[in-house]
C-alpha atoms as a PDB file:
ATOM      1  CA  UNK A   1       3.675  28.095  20.718  1.00  0.00           C
ATOM      2  CA  UNK A   2       1.597  30.802  19.074  1.00  0.00           C
ATOM      3  CA  UNK A   3      -2.002  31.105  20.109  1.00  0.00           C
ATOM      4  CA  UNK A   4      -4.188  29.612  17.399  1.00  0.00           C
ATOM      5  CA  UNK A   5      -7.966  29.427  17.398  1.00  0.00           C
ATOM      6  CA  UNK A   6      -8.469  26.908  14.602  1.00  0.00           C
ATOM      7  CA  UNK A   7      -6.887  23.623  13.543  1.00  0.00           C
ATOM      8  CA  UNK A   8      -7.407  22.577   9.922  1.00  0.00           C
ATOM      9  CA  UNK A   9      -6.688  18.954   9.021  1.00  0.00           C
ATOM     10  CA  UNK A  10      -5.985  16.973   5.912  1.00  0.00           C
ATOM     11  CA  UNK A  11      -8.275  13.923   5.761  1.00  0.00           C
ATOM     12  CA  UNK A  12      -6.723  10.869   4.065  1.00  0.00           C
ATOM     13  CA  UNK A  13      -3.465   9.494   5.492  1.00  0.00           C
ATOM     14  CA  UNK A  14      -3.884  12.017   8.299  1.00  0.00           C
ATOM     15  CA  UNK A  15      -7.194  11.481  10.110  1.00  0.00           C
ATOM     16  CA  UNK A  16      -8.043   8.359   8.118  1.00  0.00           C
ATOM     17  CA  UNK A  17      -5.492   5.727   7.101  1.00  0.00           C
ATOM     18  CA  UNK A  18      -5.426   3.683   3.901  1.00  0.00           C
ATOM     19  CA  UNK A  19      -4.707  -0.011   4.445  1.00  0.00           C
ATOM     20  CA  UNK A  20      -4.099  -1.199   0.899  1.00  0.00           C
ATOM     21  CA  UNK A  21      -3.843  -4.818   2.037  1.00  0.00           C
ATOM     22  CA  UNK A  22      -7.636  -4.659   2.349  1.00  0.00           C
ATOM     23  CA  UNK A  23      -8.109  -3.957  -1.357  1.00  0.00           C
ATOM     24  CA  UNK A  24      -9.190  -6.853  -3.589  1.00  0.00           C
ATOM     25  CA  UNK A  25      -6.296  -8.948  -4.882  1.00  0.00           C
ATOM     26  CA  UNK A  26      -5.803 -10.024  -8.497  1.00  0.00           C
ATOM     27  CA  UNK A  27      -3.241 -12.235 -10.221  1.00  0.00           C
ATOM     28  CA  UNK A  28      -2.170 -10.973 -13.629  1.00  0.00           C
ATOM     29  CA  UNK A  29       0.520 -12.977 -15.424  1.00  0.00           C
ATOM     30  CA  UNK A  30       1.830 -14.276 -12.110  1.00  0.00           C
ATOM     31  CA  UNK A  31       1.978 -10.850 -10.489  1.00  0.00           C
ATOM     32  CA  UNK A  32      -0.232 -10.283  -7.449  1.00  0.00           C
ATOM     33  CA  UNK A  33      -1.702  -6.776  -7.124  1.00  0.00           C
ATOM     34  CA  UNK A  34      -4.069  -5.000  -4.766  1.00  0.00           C
ATOM     35  CA  UNK A  35      -6.453  -2.991  -6.906  1.00  0.00           C
ATOM     36  CA  UNK A  36     -10.065  -2.037  -7.576  1.00  0.00           C
ATOM     37  CA  UNK A  37      -9.612  -2.916 -11.253  1.00  0.00           C
ATOM     38  CA  UNK A  38     -11.616  -6.148 -11.222  1.00  0.00           C
ATOM     39  CA  UNK A  39     -14.619  -4.499  -9.572  1.00  0.00           C
ATOM     40  CA  UNK A  40     -14.390  -1.601 -12.019  1.00  0.00           C
ATOM     41  CA  UNK A  41     -14.088  -4.014 -14.939  1.00  0.00           C
ATOM     42  CA  UNK A  42     -17.240  -5.839 -13.821  1.00  0.00           C
ATOM     43  CA  UNK A  43     -19.159  -2.606 -14.407  1.00  0.00           C
ATOM     44  CA  UNK A  44     -17.329  -1.852 -17.656  1.00  0.00           C
ATOM     45  CA  UNK A  45     -18.012  -5.341 -19.051  1.00  0.00           C
ATOM     46  CA  UNK A  46     -21.730  -4.805 -18.570  1.00  0.00           C
ATOM     47  CA  UNK A  47     -21.507  -2.178 -21.301  1.00  0.00           C
ATOM     48  CA  UNK A  48     -18.599  -3.493 -23.390  1.00  0.00           C
ATOM     49  CA  UNK A  49     -18.490  -7.301 -22.966  1.00  0.00           C
ATOM     50  CA  UNK A  50     -16.308  -7.863 -26.043  1.00  0.00           C
ATOM     51  CA  UNK A  51     -13.305  -6.312 -24.264  1.00  0.00           C
ATOM     52  CA  UNK A  52     -11.509  -8.743 -21.942  1.00  0.00           C
ATOM     53  CA  UNK A  53     -10.049  -7.891 -18.551  1.00  0.00           C
ATOM     54  CA  UNK A  54      -6.538  -8.438 -19.935  1.00  0.00           C
ATOM     55  CA  UNK A  55      -7.250  -5.814 -22.611  1.00  0.00           C
ATOM     56  CA  UNK A  56      -8.925  -3.468 -20.125  1.00  0.00           C
ATOM     57  CA  UNK A  57      -6.288  -3.522 -17.396  1.00  0.00           C
ATOM     58  CA  UNK A  58      -3.451  -1.569 -19.122  1.00  0.00           C
ATOM     59  CA  UNK A  59      -5.893   1.232 -19.958  1.00  0.00           C
ATOM     60  CA  UNK A  60      -7.096   1.246 -16.347  1.00  0.00           C
ATOM     61  CA  UNK A  61      -3.524   1.727 -15.106  1.00  0.00           C
ATOM     62  CA  UNK A  62      -2.529   4.264 -17.755  1.00  0.00           C
ATOM     63  CA  UNK A  63      -5.642   6.382 -17.179  1.00  0.00           C
ATOM     64  CA  UNK A  64      -4.693   6.711 -13.516  1.00  0.00           C
ATOM     65  CA  UNK A  65      -1.224   7.970 -14.431  1.00  0.00           C
ATOM     66  CA  UNK A  66      -2.611  10.427 -16.986  1.00  0.00           C
ATOM     67  CA  UNK A  67      -5.271  11.647 -14.575  1.00  0.00           C
ATOM     68  CA  UNK A  68      -2.714  12.335 -11.853  1.00  0.00           C
ATOM     69  CA  UNK A  69      -0.555  14.225 -14.362  1.00  0.00           C
ATOM     70  CA  UNK A  70      -3.544  16.379 -15.353  1.00  0.00           C
ATOM     71  CA  UNK A  71      -4.070  17.376 -11.732  1.00  0.00           C
ATOM     72  CA  UNK A  72      -0.491  18.585 -11.362  1.00  0.00           C
ATOM     73  CA  UNK A  73      -1.029  21.226 -14.054  1.00  0.00           C
ATOM     74  CA  UNK A  74      -1.864  24.306 -11.970  1.00  0.00           C
ATOM     75  CA  UNK A  75      -3.263  21.945  -9.278  1.00  0.00           C
ATOM     76  CA  UNK A  76      -6.710  21.779 -10.796  1.00  0.00           C
ATOM     77  CA  UNK A  77      -9.103  19.139  -9.499  1.00  0.00           C
ATOM     78  CA  UNK A  78     -11.184  17.004 -11.832  1.00  0.00           C
ATOM     79  CA  UNK A  79     -14.108  14.717 -10.938  1.00  0.00           C
ATOM     80  CA  UNK A  80     -13.124  11.060 -10.743  1.00  0.00           C
ATOM     81  CA  UNK A  81     -15.540  10.175 -13.537  1.00  0.00           C
ATOM     82  CA  UNK A  82     -13.291  12.152 -15.903  1.00  0.00           C
ATOM     83  CA  UNK A  83     -10.614   9.508 -15.374  1.00  0.00           C
ATOM     84  CA  UNK A  84     -12.851   6.743 -16.658  1.00  0.00           C
ATOM     85  CA  UNK A  85     -14.094   8.857 -19.551  1.00  0.00           C
ATOM     86  CA  UNK A  86     -10.433   9.431 -20.438  1.00  0.00           C
ATOM     87  CA  UNK A  87      -9.800   5.687 -20.214  1.00  0.00           C
ATOM     88  CA  UNK A  88     -12.615   4.955 -22.644  1.00  0.00           C
ATOM     89  CA  UNK A  89     -11.418   7.624 -25.076  1.00  0.00           C
ATOM     90  CA  UNK A  90      -7.997   5.975 -24.992  1.00  0.00           C
ATOM     91  CA  UNK A  91      -9.734   2.727 -25.916  1.00  0.00           C
ATOM     92  CA  UNK A  92     -11.385   4.465 -28.911  1.00  0.00           C
ATOM     93  CA  UNK A  93     -14.848   3.969 -27.448  1.00  0.00           C
ATOM     94  CA  UNK A  94     -17.060   6.764 -28.831  1.00  0.00           C
ATOM     95  CA  UNK A  95     -18.748   8.959 -26.269  1.00  0.00           C
ATOM     96  CA  UNK A  96     -22.489   8.391 -25.861  1.00  0.00           C
ATOM     97  CA  UNK A  97     -25.053   7.650 -23.169  1.00  0.00           C
ATOM     98  CA  UNK A  98     -23.383   4.280 -22.513  1.00  0.00           C
ATOM     99  CA  UNK A  99     -19.994   5.834 -21.780  1.00  0.00           C
ATOM    100  CA  UNK A 100     -21.627   8.326 -19.412  1.00  0.00           C
ATOM    101  CA  UNK A 101     -23.481   5.580 -17.552  1.00  0.00           C
ATOM    102  CA  UNK A 102     -20.415   3.327 -17.536  1.00  0.00           C
ATOM    103  CA  UNK A 103     -18.255   6.133 -16.120  1.00  0.00           C
ATOM    104  CA  UNK A 104     -20.718   6.733 -13.284  1.00  0.00           C
ATOM    105  CA  UNK A 105     -20.874   3.031 -12.469  1.00  0.00           C
ATOM    106  CA  UNK A 106     -17.095   2.628 -12.554  1.00  0.00           C
ATOM    107  CA  UNK A 107     -16.657   5.568 -10.185  1.00  0.00           C
ATOM    108  CA  UNK A 108     -19.016   3.963  -7.687  1.00  0.00           C
ATOM    109  CA  UNK A 109     -17.253   0.589  -7.925  1.00  0.00           C
ATOM    110  CA  UNK A 110     -13.818   2.176  -7.610  1.00  0.00           C
ATOM    111  CA  UNK A 111     -14.820   4.292  -4.626  1.00  0.00           C
ATOM    112  CA  UNK A 112     -16.496   1.391  -2.852  1.00  0.00           C
ATOM    113  CA  UNK A 113     -13.243  -0.528  -3.211  1.00  0.00           C
ATOM    114  CA  UNK A 114     -11.153   2.344  -1.886  1.00  0.00           C
ATOM    115  CA  UNK A 115     -13.564   2.899   0.999  1.00  0.00           C
ATOM    116  CA  UNK A 116     -13.117  -0.726   2.066  1.00  0.00           C
ATOM    117  CA  UNK A 117      -9.415   0.032   2.656  1.00  0.00           C
ATOM    118  CA  UNK A 118      -9.987   3.104   4.844  1.00  0.00           C
ATOM    119  CA  UNK A 119      -9.410   2.768   8.580  1.00  0.00           C
ATOM    120  CA  UNK A 120     -10.007   5.206  11.413  1.00  0.00           C
ATOM    121  CA  UNK A 121      -7.744   4.344  14.352  1.00  0.00           C
ATOM    122  CA  UNK A 122      -9.339   4.687  17.766  1.00  0.00           C
ATOM    123  CA  UNK A 123      -6.437   6.828  18.958  1.00  0.00           C
ATOM    124  CA  UNK A 124      -7.117   9.331  16.162  1.00  0.00           C
ATOM    125  CA  UNK A 125     -10.676   9.796  17.368  1.00  0.00           C
ATOM    126  CA  UNK A 126      -9.400  10.391  20.894  1.00  0.00           C
ATOM    127  CA  UNK A 127      -6.952  12.988  19.557  1.00  0.00           C
ATOM    128  CA  UNK A 128      -9.771  14.866  17.805  1.00  0.00           C
ATOM    129  CA  UNK A 129     -11.812  14.739  20.986  1.00  0.00           C
ATOM    130  CA  UNK A 130      -8.862  16.088  22.989  1.00  0.00           C
ATOM    131  CA  UNK A 131      -8.268  18.949  20.532  1.00  0.00           C
ATOM    132  CA  UNK A 132     -11.954  19.864  20.728  1.00  0.00           C
ATOM    133  CA  UNK A 133     -11.883  19.799  24.530  1.00  0.00           C
ATOM    134  CA  UNK A 134      -8.891  22.146  24.482  1.00  0.00           C
ATOM    135  CA  UNK A 135     -11.126  24.735  22.865  1.00  0.00           C
ATOM    136  CA  UNK A 136     -10.071  24.703  19.219  1.00  0.00           C
ATOM    137  CA  UNK A 137     -12.313  25.102  16.221  1.00  0.00           C
ATOM    138  CA  UNK A 138     -11.659  22.426  13.608  1.00  0.00           C
ATOM    139  CA  UNK A 139     -12.039  22.036   9.854  1.00  0.00           C
ATOM    140  CA  UNK A 140     -10.897  19.773   7.004  1.00  0.00           C
ATOM    141  CA  UNK A 141      -9.333  20.485   3.616  1.00  0.00           C
ATOM    142  CA  UNK A 142      -9.022  17.305   1.551  1.00  0.00           C
ATOM    143  CA  UNK A 143      -7.641  16.570  -1.900  1.00  0.00           C
ATOM    144  CA  UNK A 144     -10.202  14.076  -3.137  1.00  0.00           C
ATOM    145  CA  UNK A 145     -11.884  13.770  -6.509  1.00  0.00           C
ATOM    146  CA  UNK A 146     -15.211  12.259  -5.441  1.00  0.00           C
ATOM    147  CA  UNK A 147     -16.735  14.237  -2.596  1.00  0.00           C
ATOM    148  CA  UNK A 148     -19.655  11.845  -1.896  1.00  0.00           C
ATOM    149  CA  UNK A 149     -17.197   9.092  -0.897  1.00  0.00           C
ATOM    150  CA  UNK A 150     -15.357  11.410   1.491  1.00  0.00           C
ATOM    151  CA  UNK A 151     -18.611  12.526   3.122  1.00  0.00           C
ATOM    152  CA  UNK A 152     -19.819   8.921   3.364  1.00  0.00           C
ATOM    153  CA  UNK A 153     -16.668   7.942   5.268  1.00  0.00           C
ATOM    154  CA  UNK A 154     -16.977  10.960   7.545  1.00  0.00           C
ATOM    155  CA  UNK A 155     -20.533   9.845   8.302  1.00  0.00           C
ATOM    156  CA  UNK A 156     -19.561   6.177   8.670  1.00  0.00           C
ATOM    157  CA  UNK A 157     -16.935   6.963  11.296  1.00  0.00           C
ATOM    158  CA  UNK A 158     -19.112   9.658  12.917  1.00  0.00           C
ATOM    159  CA  UNK A 159     -16.527  12.421  12.942  1.00  0.00           C
ATOM    160  CA  UNK A 160     -18.557  15.176  11.299  1.00  0.00           C
ATOM    161  CA  UNK A 161     -19.422  16.516  14.741  1.00  0.00           C
ATOM    162  CA  UNK A 162     -15.857  17.722  15.222  1.00  0.00           C
ATOM    163  CA  UNK A 163     -15.670  19.979  12.174  1.00  0.00           C
ATOM    164  CA  UNK A 164     -17.243  23.338  11.439  1.00  0.00           C
ATOM    165  CA  UNK A 165     -16.314  23.217   7.770  1.00  0.00           C
ATOM    166  CA  UNK A 166     -15.297  20.428   5.379  1.00  0.00           C
ATOM    167  CA  UNK A 167     -13.735  21.479   2.076  1.00  0.00           C
ATOM    168  CA  UNK A 168     -13.237  18.795  -0.588  1.00  0.00           C
ATOM    169  CA  UNK A 169     -11.142  19.679  -3.632  1.00  0.00           C
ATOM    170  CA  UNK A 170     -13.682  18.285  -6.114  1.00  0.00           C
ATOM    171  CA  UNK A 171     -16.194  20.865  -4.908  1.00  0.00           C
ATOM    172  CA  UNK A 172     -13.712  23.733  -5.177  1.00  0.00           C
ATOM    173  CA  UNK A 173     -12.084  22.759  -8.468  1.00  0.00           C
ATOM    174  CA  UNK A 174      -8.586  23.243  -7.037  1.00  0.00           C
ATOM    175  CA  UNK A 175      -6.226  21.040  -5.063  1.00  0.00           C
ATOM    176  CA  UNK A 176      -3.736  21.729  -2.325  1.00  0.00           C
ATOM    177  CA  UNK A 177      -1.165  23.302  -2.497  1.00  0.00           C
ATOM    178  CA  UNK A 178      -3.112  25.852  -4.571  1.00  0.00           C
ATOM    179  CA  UNK A 179      -3.655  28.882  -2.301  1.00  0.00           C
ATOM    180  CA  UNK A 180      -7.281  29.292  -3.385  1.00  0.00           C
ATOM    181  CA  UNK A 181      -8.459  26.198  -1.489  1.00  0.00           C
ATOM    182  CA  UNK A 182      -6.809  27.383   1.743  1.00  0.00           C
ATOM    183  CA  UNK A 183      -8.282  30.850   1.267  1.00  0.00           C
ATOM    184  CA  UNK A 184     -11.711  29.327   0.713  1.00  0.00           C
ATOM    185  CA  UNK A 185     -11.426  27.578   4.069  1.00  0.00           C
ATOM    186  CA  UNK A 186     -10.304  30.758   5.824  1.00  0.00           C
ATOM    187  CA  UNK A 187     -13.164  32.683   4.243  1.00  0.00           C
ATOM    188  CA  UNK A 188     -15.725  30.100   5.360  1.00  0.00           C
ATOM    189  CA  UNK A 189     -14.258  30.062   8.874  1.00  0.00           C
ATOM    190  CA  UNK A 190     -13.845  33.874   9.007  1.00  0.00           C
ATOM    191  CA  UNK A 191     -10.235  33.567  10.164  1.00  0.00           C
ATOM    192  CA  UNK A 192      -6.899  35.105   9.221  1.00  0.00           C
ATOM    193  CA  UNK A 193      -3.854  32.942   8.382  1.00  0.00           C
ATOM    194  CA  UNK A 194      -2.293  33.591  11.789  1.00  0.00           C
ATOM    195  CA  UNK A 195      -5.426  32.243  13.510  1.00  0.00           C
ATOM    196  CA  UNK A 196      -5.057  28.778  12.017  1.00  0.00           C
ATOM    197  CA  UNK A 197      -2.606  25.919  11.894  1.00  0.00           C
ATOM    198  CA  UNK A 198      -2.735  23.181   9.260  1.00  0.00           C
ATOM    199  CA  UNK A 199      -1.992  19.500   9.924  1.00  0.00           C
ATOM    200  CA  UNK A 200      -1.185  17.103   7.094  1.00  0.00           C
ATOM    201  CA  UNK A 201       1.056  14.281   5.916  1.00  0.00           C
ATOM    202  CA  UNK A 202       1.886  15.432   2.382  1.00  0.00           C
ATOM    203  CA  UNK A 203       4.748  17.925   2.501  1.00  0.00           C
ATOM    204  CA  UNK A 204       4.115  19.494  -0.883  1.00  0.00           C
ATOM    205  CA  UNK A 205       0.331  19.704  -0.690  1.00  0.00           C
ATOM    206  CA  UNK A 206      -0.139  20.388   2.998  1.00  0.00           C
ATOM    207  CA  UNK A 207       2.952  22.133   4.316  1.00  0.00           C
ATOM    208  CA  UNK A 208       3.918  24.146   1.228  1.00  0.00           C
ATOM    209  CA  UNK A 209       0.270  25.004   0.622  1.00  0.00           C
ATOM    210  CA  UNK A 210      -0.350  26.277   4.140  1.00  0.00           C
ATOM    211  CA  UNK A 211       2.906  28.225   4.318  1.00  0.00           C
ATOM    212  CA  UNK A 212       2.175  29.864   0.947  1.00  0.00           C
ATOM    213  CA  UNK A 213      -0.876  31.579   2.451  1.00  0.00           C
ATOM    214  CA  UNK A 214       0.927  32.536   5.661  1.00  0.00           C
ATOM    215  CA  UNK A 215      -0.505  29.780   7.846  1.00  0.00           C
ATOM    216  CA  UNK A 216       1.598  27.755  10.262  1.00  0.00           C
ATOM    217  CA  UNK A 217       1.815  24.037   9.567  1.00  0.00           C
ATOM    218  CA  UNK A 218       2.345  20.734  11.340  1.00  0.00           C
ATOM    219  CA  UNK A 219       3.909  18.027   9.214  1.00  0.00           C
ATOM    220  CA  UNK A 220       2.607  14.594  10.147  1.00  0.00           C
ATOM    221  CA  UNK A 221       5.669  12.581   9.137  1.00  0.00           C
ATOM    222  CA  UNK A 222       3.996   9.218   9.638  1.00  0.00           C
ATOM    223  CA  UNK A 223       5.962   7.629   6.791  1.00  0.00           C
ATOM    224  CA  UNK A 224       9.311   8.514   8.390  1.00  0.00           C
ATOM    225  CA  UNK A 225      10.490  10.572   5.422  1.00  0.00           C
ATOM    226  CA  UNK A 226      13.847  12.369   5.461  1.00  0.00           C
ATOM    227  CA  UNK A 227      13.337  15.617   7.373  1.00  0.00           C
ATOM    228  CA  UNK A 228      16.570  17.503   6.707  1.00  0.00           C
ATOM    229  CA  UNK A 229      16.816  20.830   4.837  1.00  0.00           C
ATOM    230  CA  UNK A 230      13.078  21.256   4.426  1.00  0.00           C
ATOM    231  CA  UNK A 231      11.906  24.289   2.489  1.00  0.00           C
ATOM    232  CA  UNK A 232       9.672  25.728   3.702  1.00  0.00           C
ATOM    233  CA  UNK A 233      10.346  24.513   7.202  1.00  0.00           C
ATOM    234  CA  UNK A 234       7.290  23.172   9.034  1.00  0.00           C
ATOM    235  CA  UNK A 235       6.542  24.864  12.322  1.00  0.00           C
ATOM    236  CA  UNK A 236       6.200  21.458  13.956  1.00  0.00           C
ATOM    237  CA  UNK A 237       6.874  17.855  12.970  1.00  0.00           C
ATOM    238  CA  UNK A 238       5.026  14.974  14.605  1.00  0.00           C
ATOM    239  CA  UNK A 239       5.460  11.222  13.946  1.00  0.00           C
ATOM    240  CA  UNK A 240       1.867  10.184  14.665  1.00  0.00           C
ATOM    241  CA  UNK A 241      -1.548  11.823  14.530  1.00  0.00           C
ATOM    242  CA  UNK A 242      -2.328  11.657  18.275  1.00  0.00           C
ATOM    243  CA  UNK A 243       0.714  13.874  18.920  1.00  0.00           C
ATOM    244  CA  UNK A 244      -1.270  16.871  17.673  1.00  0.00           C
ATOM    245  CA  UNK A 245      -3.325  16.767  20.864  1.00  0.00           C
ATOM    246  CA  UNK A 246      -0.095  16.780  22.881  1.00  0.00           C
ATOM    247  CA  UNK A 247       1.591  19.781  21.266  1.00  0.00           C
ATOM    248  CA  UNK A 248      -1.455  22.073  21.224  1.00  0.00           C
ATOM    249  CA  UNK A 249      -1.968  23.949  24.499  1.00  0.00           C
ATOM    250  CA  UNK A 250      -5.420  24.255  26.006  1.00  0.00           C
ATOM    251  CA  UNK A 251      -7.349  27.415  25.156  1.00  0.00           C
ATOM    252  CA  UNK A 252      -9.855  26.911  27.930  1.00  0.00           C
END
């Protein structure tokens, strides 16, 4: 293995896990779904009570799809509140102080719901501790459109102590795999690509993004995806997060 000085991690579905079974459950026309939509609607209805949940829900779903499509254009990042402003425009609700306040409230409700589904396995904390004890510097690059929620979870699970730098895409305006967000991290850490290795679960965002700037990459294949004929080829593939502490040699 090459001698690295710095390990940069993805955050969600890498360090933290999403357990969607912990999201609130709704029954819509006999179909059971795990979603934050009811909590978000509770905020929305405070401003627009004439619109029922049944009317609201399709716009909630469609705005998510549109918002994700927007992000794929040049990998720009947009604040989460833009999704709910888009949803209200689709509903022909004119923009005013109410839509601004409603968007802010819906973001908070949505993020509180998502946060309730985030788990931090004990073995992941031990792995971070082991990597730190081996002498590596550590940082995070996360694709996330509401930075306060990411920082709140980092504080909740008390892992901020491990990381010199935390880069959230909302604050940069670009998402992985865009090279600019990786270069921002390297600039903040004062490292060259060959000094770092990136660890993440999303092949396109994490592995392609890191390799595009000349950084080695570890693919956390925790969803057991097909691993044949990968391009670019990850430098390492691990099935679970704690394996990162096994493959990295001690620096001290």
